[in-house]
Amino acid sequence: MIGKVRVIQGIRPGVVAFSLGHGHWSYGASDVTIDGQVVKADPRRAAGLHGNAAMRIDPVTRNTTLCDLFGGSAVFYDSRVKLVKV
């Protein structure tokens, strides 16, 4: 996963945060056909980064993020990452 990092004050040293509302997987960046009509793409939409790729994967199912047993949501706060300058 490659993306831009912005260092700001207000986040504890050693912590990485990402907003789920600002990333995506290029929705609308490729042409699609709906009922025989081609909806033209906007290649500018193939930008951004989605944080799901950085989340810890369930070691049993291996195709989904771990889930919080009590709340049933994804464990957004339990993934370790390593940042490397490229």
PDB file of N, CA and C in Angstrom:
ATOM      1  N   MET A   1       0.851  -1.160   0.000  1.00  0.00           N
ATOM      2  CA  MET A   1       0.000   0.000   0.000  1.00  0.00           C
ATOM      3  C   MET A   1       0.900   1.227   0.000  1.00  0.00           C
ATOM      4  N   ILE A   2       0.723   2.106  -0.966  1.00  0.00           N
ATOM      5  CA  ILE A   2       1.527   3.322  -1.054  1.00  0.00           C
ATOM      6  C   ILE A   2       0.589   4.523  -1.048  1.00  0.00           C
ATOM      7  N   GLY A   3       0.899   5.492  -0.211  1.00  0.00           N
ATOM      8  CA  GLY A   3       0.075   6.688  -0.130  1.00  0.00           C
ATOM      9  C   GLY A   3       0.855   7.825   0.490  1.00  0.00           C
ATOM     10  N   LYS A   4       0.231   8.969   0.569  1.00  0.00           N
ATOM     11  CA  LYS A   4       0.850  10.142   1.178  1.00  0.00           C
ATOM     12  C   LYS A   4       0.533  10.167   2.664  1.00  0.00           C
ATOM     13  N   VAL A   5       1.505  10.623   3.439  1.00  0.00           N
ATOM     14  CA  VAL A   5       1.340  10.771   4.886  1.00  0.00           C
ATOM     15  C   VAL A   5       1.472  12.246   5.218  1.00  0.00           C
ATOM     16  N   ARG A   6       0.601  12.715   6.068  1.00  0.00           N
ATOM     17  CA  ARG A   6       0.685  14.099   6.530  1.00  0.00           C
ATOM     18  C   ARG A   6       0.885  14.059   8.034  1.00  0.00           C
ATOM     19  N   VAL A   7       1.984  14.616   8.492  1.00  0.00           N
ATOM     20  CA  VAL A   7       2.300  14.649   9.916  1.00  0.00           C
ATOM     21  C   VAL A   7       1.682  15.904  10.512  1.00  0.00           C
ATOM     22  N   ILE A   8       0.913  15.722  11.579  1.00  0.00           N
ATOM     23  CA  ILE A   8       0.258  16.859  12.222  1.00  0.00           C
ATOM     24  C   ILE A   8       0.396  16.756  13.734  1.00  0.00           C
ATOM     25  N   GLN A   9       0.245  17.881  14.399  1.00  0.00           N
ATOM     26  CA  GLN A   9       0.181  17.869  15.850  1.00  0.00           C
ATOM     27  C   GLN A   9      -1.207  17.401  16.245  1.00  0.00           C
ATOM     28  N   GLY A  10      -1.316  16.832  17.411  1.00  0.00           N
ATOM     29  CA  GLY A  10      -2.627  16.408  17.893  1.00  0.00           C
ATOM     30  C   GLY A  10      -2.836  14.910  17.824  1.00  0.00           C
ATOM     31  N   ILE A  11      -1.903  14.196  17.215  1.00  0.00           N
ATOM     32  CA  ILE A  11      -1.959  12.734  17.211  1.00  0.00           C
ATOM     33  C   ILE A  11      -0.759  12.237  17.996  1.00  0.00           C
ATOM     34  N   ARG A  12      -0.990  11.318  18.873  1.00  0.00           N
ATOM     35  CA  ARG A  12       0.061  10.779  19.735  1.00  0.00           C
ATOM     36  C   ARG A  12       1.203  10.203  18.899  1.00  0.00           C
ATOM     37  N   PRO A  13       2.461  10.467  19.270  1.00  0.00           N
ATOM     38  CA  PRO A  13       3.595   9.876  18.559  1.00  0.00           C
ATOM     39  C   PRO A  13       3.463   8.347  18.511  1.00  0.00           C
ATOM     40  N   GLY A  14       3.738   7.780  17.344  1.00  0.00           N
ATOM     41  CA  GLY A  14       3.624   6.339  17.176  1.00  0.00           C
ATOM     42  C   GLY A  14       2.256   5.877  16.712  1.00  0.00           C
ATOM     43  N   VAL A  15       1.320   6.814  16.539  1.00  0.00           N
ATOM     44  CA  VAL A  15      -0.040   6.464  16.117  1.00  0.00           C
ATOM     45  C   VAL A  15      -0.260   6.938  14.683  1.00  0.00           C
ATOM     46  N   VAL A  16      -0.902   6.097  13.884  1.00  0.00           N
ATOM     47  CA  VAL A  16      -1.294   6.453  12.523  1.00  0.00           C
ATOM     48  C   VAL A  16      -2.811   6.478  12.481  1.00  0.00           C
ATOM     49  N   ALA A  17      -3.379   7.518  11.914  1.00  0.00           N
ATOM     50  CA  ALA A  17      -4.835   7.628  11.794  1.00  0.00           C
ATOM     51  C   ALA A  17      -5.195   7.845  10.332  1.00  0.00           C
ATOM     52  N   PHE A  18      -6.349   7.349   9.932  1.00  0.00           N
ATOM     53  CA  PHE A  18      -6.838   7.616   8.580  1.00  0.00           C
ATOM     54  C   PHE A  18      -8.340   7.796   8.627  1.00  0.00           C
ATOM     55  N   SER A  19      -8.813   8.590   7.701  1.00  0.00           N
ATOM     56  CA  SER A  19     -10.244   8.850   7.614  1.00  0.00           C
ATOM     57  C   SER A  19     -10.851   7.917   6.585  1.00  0.00           C
ATOM     58  N   LEU A  20     -11.864   7.189   6.972  1.00  0.00           N
ATOM     59  CA  LEU A  20     -12.517   6.286   6.026  1.00  0.00           C
ATOM     60  C   LEU A  20     -13.338   7.048   5.001  1.00  0.00           C
ATOM     61  N   GLY A  21     -13.664   8.278   5.284  1.00  0.00           N
ATOM     62  CA  GLY A  21     -14.484   9.050   4.362  1.00  0.00           C
ATOM     63  C   GLY A  21     -13.728   9.646   3.189  1.00  0.00           C
ATOM     64  N   HIS A  22     -12.393   9.657   3.232  1.00  0.00           N
ATOM     65  CA  HIS A  22     -11.618  10.292   2.165  1.00  0.00           C
ATOM     66  C   HIS A  22     -10.923   9.305   1.241  1.00  0.00           C
ATOM     67  N   GLY A  23     -11.044   8.034   1.459  1.00  0.00           N
ATOM     68  CA  GLY A  23     -10.400   7.050   0.595  1.00  0.00           C
ATOM     69  C   GLY A  23     -11.426   6.269  -0.182  1.00  0.00           C
ATOM     70  N   HIS A  24     -10.987   5.591  -1.191  1.00  0.00           N
ATOM     71  CA  HIS A  24     -11.908   4.799  -2.004  1.00  0.00           C
ATOM     72  C   HIS A  24     -11.103   3.861  -2.882  1.00  0.00           C
ATOM     73  N   TRP A  25     -11.785   3.064  -3.643  1.00  0.00           N
ATOM     74  CA  TRP A  25     -11.141   2.158  -4.594  1.00  0.00           C
ATOM     75  C   TRP A  25     -11.518   2.535  -6.014  1.00  0.00           C
ATOM     76  N   SER A  26     -11.423   3.791  -6.344  1.00  0.00           N
ATOM     77  CA  SER A  26     -11.579   4.309  -7.702  1.00  0.00           C
ATOM     78  C   SER A  26     -12.973   4.175  -8.281  1.00  0.00           C
ATOM     79  N   TYR A  27     -14.003   4.265  -7.460  1.00  0.00           N
ATOM     80  CA  TYR A  27     -15.361   4.214  -7.994  1.00  0.00           C
ATOM     81  C   TYR A  27     -15.549   5.316  -9.026  1.00  0.00           C
ATOM     82  N   GLY A  28     -16.019   4.952 -10.200  1.00  0.00           N
ATOM     83  CA  GLY A  28     -16.257   5.927 -11.255  1.00  0.00           C
ATOM     84  C   GLY A  28     -15.051   6.226 -12.117  1.00  0.00           C
ATOM     85  N   ALA A  29     -13.919   5.572 -11.878  1.00  0.00           N
ATOM     86  CA  ALA A  29     -12.714   5.814 -12.665  1.00  0.00           C
ATOM     87  C   ALA A  29     -12.667   4.958 -13.924  1.00  0.00           C
ATOM     88  N   SER A  30     -13.557   3.990 -14.049  1.00  0.00           N
ATOM     89  CA  SER A  30     -13.631   3.127 -15.232  1.00  0.00           C
ATOM     90  C   SER A  30     -15.034   3.221 -15.824  1.00  0.00           C
ATOM     91  N   ASP A  31     -15.099   3.118 -17.161  1.00  0.00           N
ATOM     92  CA  ASP A  31     -16.408   3.104 -17.818  1.00  0.00           C
ATOM     93  C   ASP A  31     -17.225   1.919 -17.315  1.00  0.00           C
ATOM     94  N   VAL A  32     -18.528   2.108 -17.176  1.00  0.00           N
ATOM     95  CA  VAL A  32     -19.438   1.014 -16.827  1.00  0.00           C
ATOM     96  C   VAL A  32     -20.623   1.053 -17.783  1.00  0.00           C
ATOM     97  N   THR A  33     -21.213  -0.114 -18.010  1.00  0.00           N
ATOM     98  CA  THR A  33     -22.388  -0.203 -18.867  1.00  0.00           C
ATOM     99  C   THR A  33     -23.592  -0.543 -18.011  1.00  0.00           C
ATOM    100  N   ILE A  34     -24.616   0.293 -18.080  1.00  0.00           N
ATOM    101  CA  ILE A  34     -25.846   0.090 -17.316  1.00  0.00           C
ATOM    102  C   ILE A  34     -27.005   0.101 -18.301  1.00  0.00           C
ATOM    103  N   ASP A  35     -27.731  -0.994 -18.356  1.00  0.00           N
ATOM    104  CA  ASP A  35     -28.867  -1.124 -19.284  1.00  0.00           C
ATOM    105  C   ASP A  35     -28.475  -0.761 -20.716  1.00  0.00           C
ATOM    106  N   GLY A  36     -27.289  -1.206 -21.117  1.00  0.00           N
ATOM    107  CA  GLY A  36     -26.827  -0.969 -22.480  1.00  0.00           C
ATOM    108  C   GLY A  36     -26.227   0.402 -22.729  1.00  0.00           C
ATOM    109  N   GLN A  37     -26.269   1.279 -21.767  1.00  0.00           N
ATOM    110  CA  GLN A  37     -25.712   2.626 -21.903  1.00  0.00           C
ATOM    111  C   GLN A  37     -24.358   2.694 -21.203  1.00  0.00           C
ATOM    112  N   VAL A  38     -23.363   3.223 -21.897  1.00  0.00           N
ATOM    113  CA  VAL A  38     -22.035   3.373 -21.303  1.00  0.00           C
ATOM    114  C   VAL A  38     -21.992   4.671 -20.508  1.00  0.00           C
ATOM    115  N   VAL A  39     -21.628   4.540 -19.245  1.00  0.00           N
ATOM    116  CA  VAL A  39     -21.422   5.710 -18.388  1.00  0.00           C
ATOM    117  C   VAL A  39     -19.923   5.967 -18.392  1.00  0.00           C
ATOM    118  N   LYS A  40     -19.532   7.108 -18.964  1.00  0.00           N
ATOM    119  CA  LYS A  40     -18.117   7.416 -19.106  1.00  0.00           C
ATOM    120  C   LYS A  40     -17.459   7.653 -17.745  1.00  0.00           C
ATOM    121  N   ALA A  41     -16.222   7.243 -17.685  1.00  0.00           N
ATOM    122  CA  ALA A  41     -15.445   7.348 -16.448  1.00  0.00           C
ATOM    123  C   ALA A  41     -14.833   8.733 -16.290  1.00  0.00           C
ATOM    124  N   ASP A  42     -14.418   9.014 -15.084  1.00  0.00           N
ATOM    125  CA  ASP A  42     -13.641  10.206 -14.780  1.00  0.00           C
ATOM    126  C   ASP A  42     -12.329   9.714 -14.181  1.00  0.00           C
ATOM    127  N   PRO A  43     -11.238   9.672 -14.969  1.00  0.00           N
ATOM    128  CA  PRO A  43      -9.978   9.105 -14.486  1.00  0.00           C
ATOM    129  C   PRO A  43      -9.412   9.807 -13.254  1.00  0.00           C
ATOM    130  N   ARG A  44      -9.856  11.027 -12.981  1.00  0.00           N
ATOM    131  CA  ARG A  44      -9.373  11.727 -11.779  1.00  0.00           C
ATOM    132  C   ARG A  44      -9.814  11.015 -10.507  1.00  0.00           C
ATOM    133  N   ARG A  45     -10.831  10.158 -10.620  1.00  0.00           N
ATOM    134  CA  ARG A  45     -11.327   9.447  -9.441  1.00  0.00           C
ATOM    135  C   ARG A  45     -10.412   8.299  -9.019  1.00  0.00           C
ATOM    136  N   ALA A  46      -9.430   7.963  -9.837  1.00  0.00           N
ATOM    137  CA  ALA A  46      -8.509   6.875  -9.497  1.00  0.00           C
ATOM    138  C   ALA A  46      -7.397   7.393  -8.592  1.00  0.00           C
ATOM    139  N   ALA A  47      -7.758   8.184  -7.624  1.00  0.00           N
ATOM    140  CA  ALA A  47      -6.803   8.748  -6.674  1.00  0.00           C
ATOM    141  C   ALA A  47      -7.310   8.465  -5.271  1.00  0.00           C
ATOM    142  N   GLY A  48      -6.481   8.720  -4.307  1.00  0.00           N
ATOM    143  CA  GLY A  48      -6.893   8.484  -2.928  1.00  0.00           C
ATOM    144  C   GLY A  48      -6.440   7.118  -2.441  1.00  0.00           C
ATOM    145  N   LEU A  49      -6.757   6.841  -1.230  1.00  0.00           N
ATOM    146  CA  LEU A  49      -6.293   5.617  -0.592  1.00  0.00           C
ATOM    147  C   LEU A  49      -7.364   5.162   0.375  1.00  0.00           C
ATOM    148  N   HIS A  50      -7.619   3.896   0.416  1.00  0.00           N
ATOM    149  CA  HIS A  50      -8.602   3.372   1.365  1.00  0.00           C
ATOM    150  C   HIS A  50      -7.868   2.610   2.457  1.00  0.00           C
ATOM    151  N   GLY A  51      -8.196   2.882   3.695  1.00  0.00           N
ATOM    152  CA  GLY A  51      -7.500   2.298   4.834  1.00  0.00           C
ATOM    153  C   GLY A  51      -7.755   0.821   5.069  1.00  0.00           C
ATOM    154  N   ASN A  52      -8.754   0.233   4.429  1.00  0.00           N
ATOM    155  CA  ASN A  52      -9.039  -1.184   4.666  1.00  0.00           C
ATOM    156  C   ASN A  52      -7.828  -2.066   4.408  1.00  0.00           C
ATOM    157  N   ALA A  53      -7.000  -1.694   3.429  1.00  0.00           N
ATOM    158  CA  ALA A  53      -5.832  -2.510   3.099  1.00  0.00           C
ATOM    159  C   ALA A  53      -4.812  -2.534   4.231  1.00  0.00           C
ATOM    160  N   ALA A  54      -4.904  -1.605   5.168  1.00  0.00           N
ATOM    161  CA  ALA A  54      -3.966  -1.564   6.287  1.00  0.00           C
ATOM    162  C   ALA A  54      -4.500  -2.263   7.529  1.00  0.00           C
ATOM    163  N   MET A  55      -5.749  -2.672   7.512  1.00  0.00           N
ATOM    164  CA  MET A  55      -6.343  -3.285   8.702  1.00  0.00           C
ATOM    165  C   MET A  55      -5.914  -4.732   8.891  1.00  0.00           C
ATOM    166  N   ARG A  56      -5.870  -5.120  10.125  1.00  0.00           N
ATOM    167  CA  ARG A  56      -5.485  -6.482  10.495  1.00  0.00           C
ATOM    168  C   ARG A  56      -6.505  -7.483   9.947  1.00  0.00           C
ATOM    169  N   ILE A  57      -6.000  -8.549   9.348  1.00  0.00           N
ATOM    170  CA  ILE A  57      -6.853  -9.569   8.737  1.00  0.00           C
ATOM    171  C   ILE A  57      -7.124 -10.688   9.739  1.00  0.00           C
ATOM    172  N   ASP A  58      -8.333 -11.220   9.697  1.00  0.00           N
ATOM    173  CA  ASP A  58      -8.702 -12.357  10.543  1.00  0.00           C
ATOM    174  C   ASP A  58      -7.845 -13.558  10.144  1.00  0.00           C
ATOM    175  N   PRO A  59      -7.077 -14.138  11.077  1.00  0.00           N
ATOM    176  CA  PRO A  59      -6.181 -15.241  10.730  1.00  0.00           C
ATOM    177  C   PRO A  59      -6.913 -16.529  10.346  1.00  0.00           C
ATOM    178  N   VAL A  60      -8.194 -16.628  10.658  1.00  0.00           N
ATOM    179  CA  VAL A  60      -8.950 -17.840  10.322  1.00  0.00           C
ATOM    180  C   VAL A  60      -9.569 -17.723   8.932  1.00  0.00           C
ATOM    181  N   THR A  61     -10.321 -16.659   8.690  1.00  0.00           N
ATOM    182  CA  THR A  61     -10.991 -16.520   7.391  1.00  0.00           C
ATOM    183  C   THR A  61     -10.057 -15.987   6.309  1.00  0.00           C
ATOM    184  N   ARG A  62      -9.085 -15.186   6.702  1.00  0.00           N
ATOM    185  CA  ARG A  62      -8.083 -14.602   5.809  1.00  0.00           C
ATOM    186  C   ARG A  62      -8.656 -13.753   4.674  1.00  0.00           C
ATOM    187  N   ASN A  63      -9.918 -13.384   4.745  1.00  0.00           N
ATOM    188  CA  ASN A  63     -10.465 -12.538   3.681  1.00  0.00           C
ATOM    189  C   ASN A  63     -11.282 -11.372   4.228  1.00  0.00           C
ATOM    190  N   THR A  64     -11.142 -11.101   5.504  1.00  0.00           N
ATOM    191  CA  THR A  64     -11.867  -9.984   6.100  1.00  0.00           C
ATOM    192  C   THR A  64     -11.090  -9.477   7.313  1.00  0.00           C
ATOM    193  N   THR A  65     -11.388  -8.261   7.707  1.00  0.00           N
ATOM    194  CA  THR A  65     -10.734  -7.716   8.887  1.00  0.00           C
ATOM    195  C   THR A  65     -11.282  -8.392  10.146  1.00  0.00           C
ATOM    196  N   LEU A  66     -10.521  -8.340  11.200  1.00  0.00           N
ATOM    197  CA  LEU A  66     -11.006  -8.858  12.479  1.00  0.00           C
ATOM    198  C   LEU A  66     -12.240  -8.080  12.909  1.00  0.00           C
ATOM    199  N   CYS A  67     -13.093  -8.706  13.683  1.00  0.00           N
ATOM    200  CA  CYS A  67     -14.309  -8.053  14.176  1.00  0.00           C
ATOM    201  C   CYS A  67     -14.301  -7.973  15.692  1.00  0.00           C
ATOM    202  N   ASP A  68     -14.867  -6.906  16.197  1.00  0.00           N
ATOM    203  CA  ASP A  68     -15.058  -6.725  17.627  1.00  0.00           C
ATOM    204  C   ASP A  68     -16.197  -7.645  18.063  1.00  0.00           C
ATOM    205  N   LEU A  69     -15.920  -8.580  18.946  1.00  0.00           N
ATOM    206  CA  LEU A  69     -16.929  -9.555  19.361  1.00  0.00           C
ATOM    207  C   LEU A  69     -18.111  -8.914  20.075  1.00  0.00           C
ATOM    208  N   PHE A  70     -17.877  -7.817  20.784  1.00  0.00           N
ATOM    209  CA  PHE A  70     -18.955  -7.190  21.539  1.00  0.00           C
ATOM    210  C   PHE A  70     -19.811  -6.274  20.669  1.00  0.00           C
ATOM    211  N   GLY A  71     -19.173  -5.458  19.848  1.00  0.00           N
ATOM    212  CA  GLY A  71     -19.916  -4.493  19.043  1.00  0.00           C
ATOM    213  C   GLY A  71     -20.224  -4.961  17.633  1.00  0.00           C
ATOM    214  N   GLY A  72     -19.479  -5.955  17.155  1.00  0.00           N
ATOM    215  CA  GLY A  72     -19.709  -6.485  15.823  1.00  0.00           C
ATOM    216  C   GLY A  72     -19.105  -5.665  14.694  1.00  0.00           C
ATOM    217  N   SER A  73     -18.351  -4.627  15.031  1.00  0.00           N
ATOM    218  CA  SER A  73     -17.759  -3.802  13.976  1.00  0.00           C
ATOM    219  C   SER A  73     -16.316  -4.230  13.715  1.00  0.00           C
ATOM    220  N   ALA A  74     -15.744  -3.705  12.644  1.00  0.00           N
ATOM    221  CA  ALA A  74     -14.350  -3.992  12.321  1.00  0.00           C
ATOM    222  C   ALA A  74     -13.448  -3.401  13.401  1.00  0.00           C
ATOM    223  N   VAL A  75     -12.326  -4.065  13.635  1.00  0.00           N
ATOM    224  CA  VAL A  75     -11.401  -3.594  14.675  1.00  0.00           C
ATOM    225  C   VAL A  75     -10.457  -2.527  14.087  1.00  0.00           C
ATOM    226  N   PHE A  76     -10.999  -1.347  13.923  1.00  0.00           N
ATOM    227  CA  PHE A  76     -10.244  -0.254  13.338  1.00  0.00           C
ATOM    228  C   PHE A  76      -9.038   0.150  14.178  1.00  0.00           C
ATOM    229  N   TYR A  77      -9.065  -0.126  15.453  1.00  0.00           N
ATOM    230  CA  TYR A  77      -8.054   0.412  16.355  1.00  0.00           C
ATOM    231  C   TYR A  77      -6.995  -0.597  16.761  1.00  0.00           C
ATOM    232  N   ASP A  78      -6.941  -1.757  16.134  1.00  0.00           N
ATOM    233  CA  ASP A  78      -6.050  -2.819  16.580  1.00  0.00           C
ATOM    234  C   ASP A  78      -5.010  -3.237  15.554  1.00  0.00           C
ATOM    235  N   SER A  79      -4.810  -2.480  14.520  1.00  0.00           N
ATOM    236  CA  SER A  79      -3.879  -2.874  13.464  1.00  0.00           C
ATOM    237  C   SER A  79      -2.552  -2.160  13.635  1.00  0.00           C
ATOM    238  N   ARG A  80      -1.464  -2.918  13.478  1.00  0.00           N
ATOM    239  CA  ARG A  80      -0.129  -2.327  13.519  1.00  0.00           C
ATOM    240  C   ARG A  80       0.346  -2.125  12.092  1.00  0.00           C
ATOM    241  N   VAL A  81       0.980  -0.997  11.849  1.00  0.00           N
ATOM    242  CA  VAL A  81       1.518  -0.711  10.525  1.00  0.00           C
ATOM    243  C   VAL A  81       2.952  -0.231  10.662  1.00  0.00           C
ATOM    244  N   LYS A  82       3.686  -0.316   9.574  1.00  0.00           N
ATOM    245  CA  LYS A  82       5.048   0.195   9.532  1.00  0.00           C
ATOM    246  C   LYS A  82       5.120   1.181   8.376  1.00  0.00           C
ATOM    247  N   LEU A  83       5.561   2.390   8.645  1.00  0.00           N
ATOM    248  CA  LEU A  83       5.690   3.408   7.608  1.00  0.00           C
ATOM    249  C   LEU A  83       7.117   3.415   7.084  1.00  0.00           C
ATOM    250  N   VAL A  84       7.246   3.411   5.764  1.00  0.00           N
ATOM    251  CA  VAL A  84       8.552   3.425   5.118  1.00  0.00           C
ATOM    252  C   VAL A  84       8.538   4.511   4.052  1.00  0.00           C
ATOM    253  N   LYS A  85       9.518   5.381   4.072  1.00  0.00           N
ATOM    254  CA  LYS A  85       9.595   6.442   3.070  1.00  0.00           C
ATOM    255  C   LYS A  85      10.029   5.837   1.735  1.00  0.00           C
ATOM    256  N   VAL A  86       9.282   6.154   0.672  1.00  0.00           N
ATOM    257  CA  VAL A  86       9.637   5.649  -0.668  1.00  0.00           C
ATOM    258  C   VAL A  86       9.909   6.799  -1.615  1.00  0.00           C
TER     259      VAL A  86
END
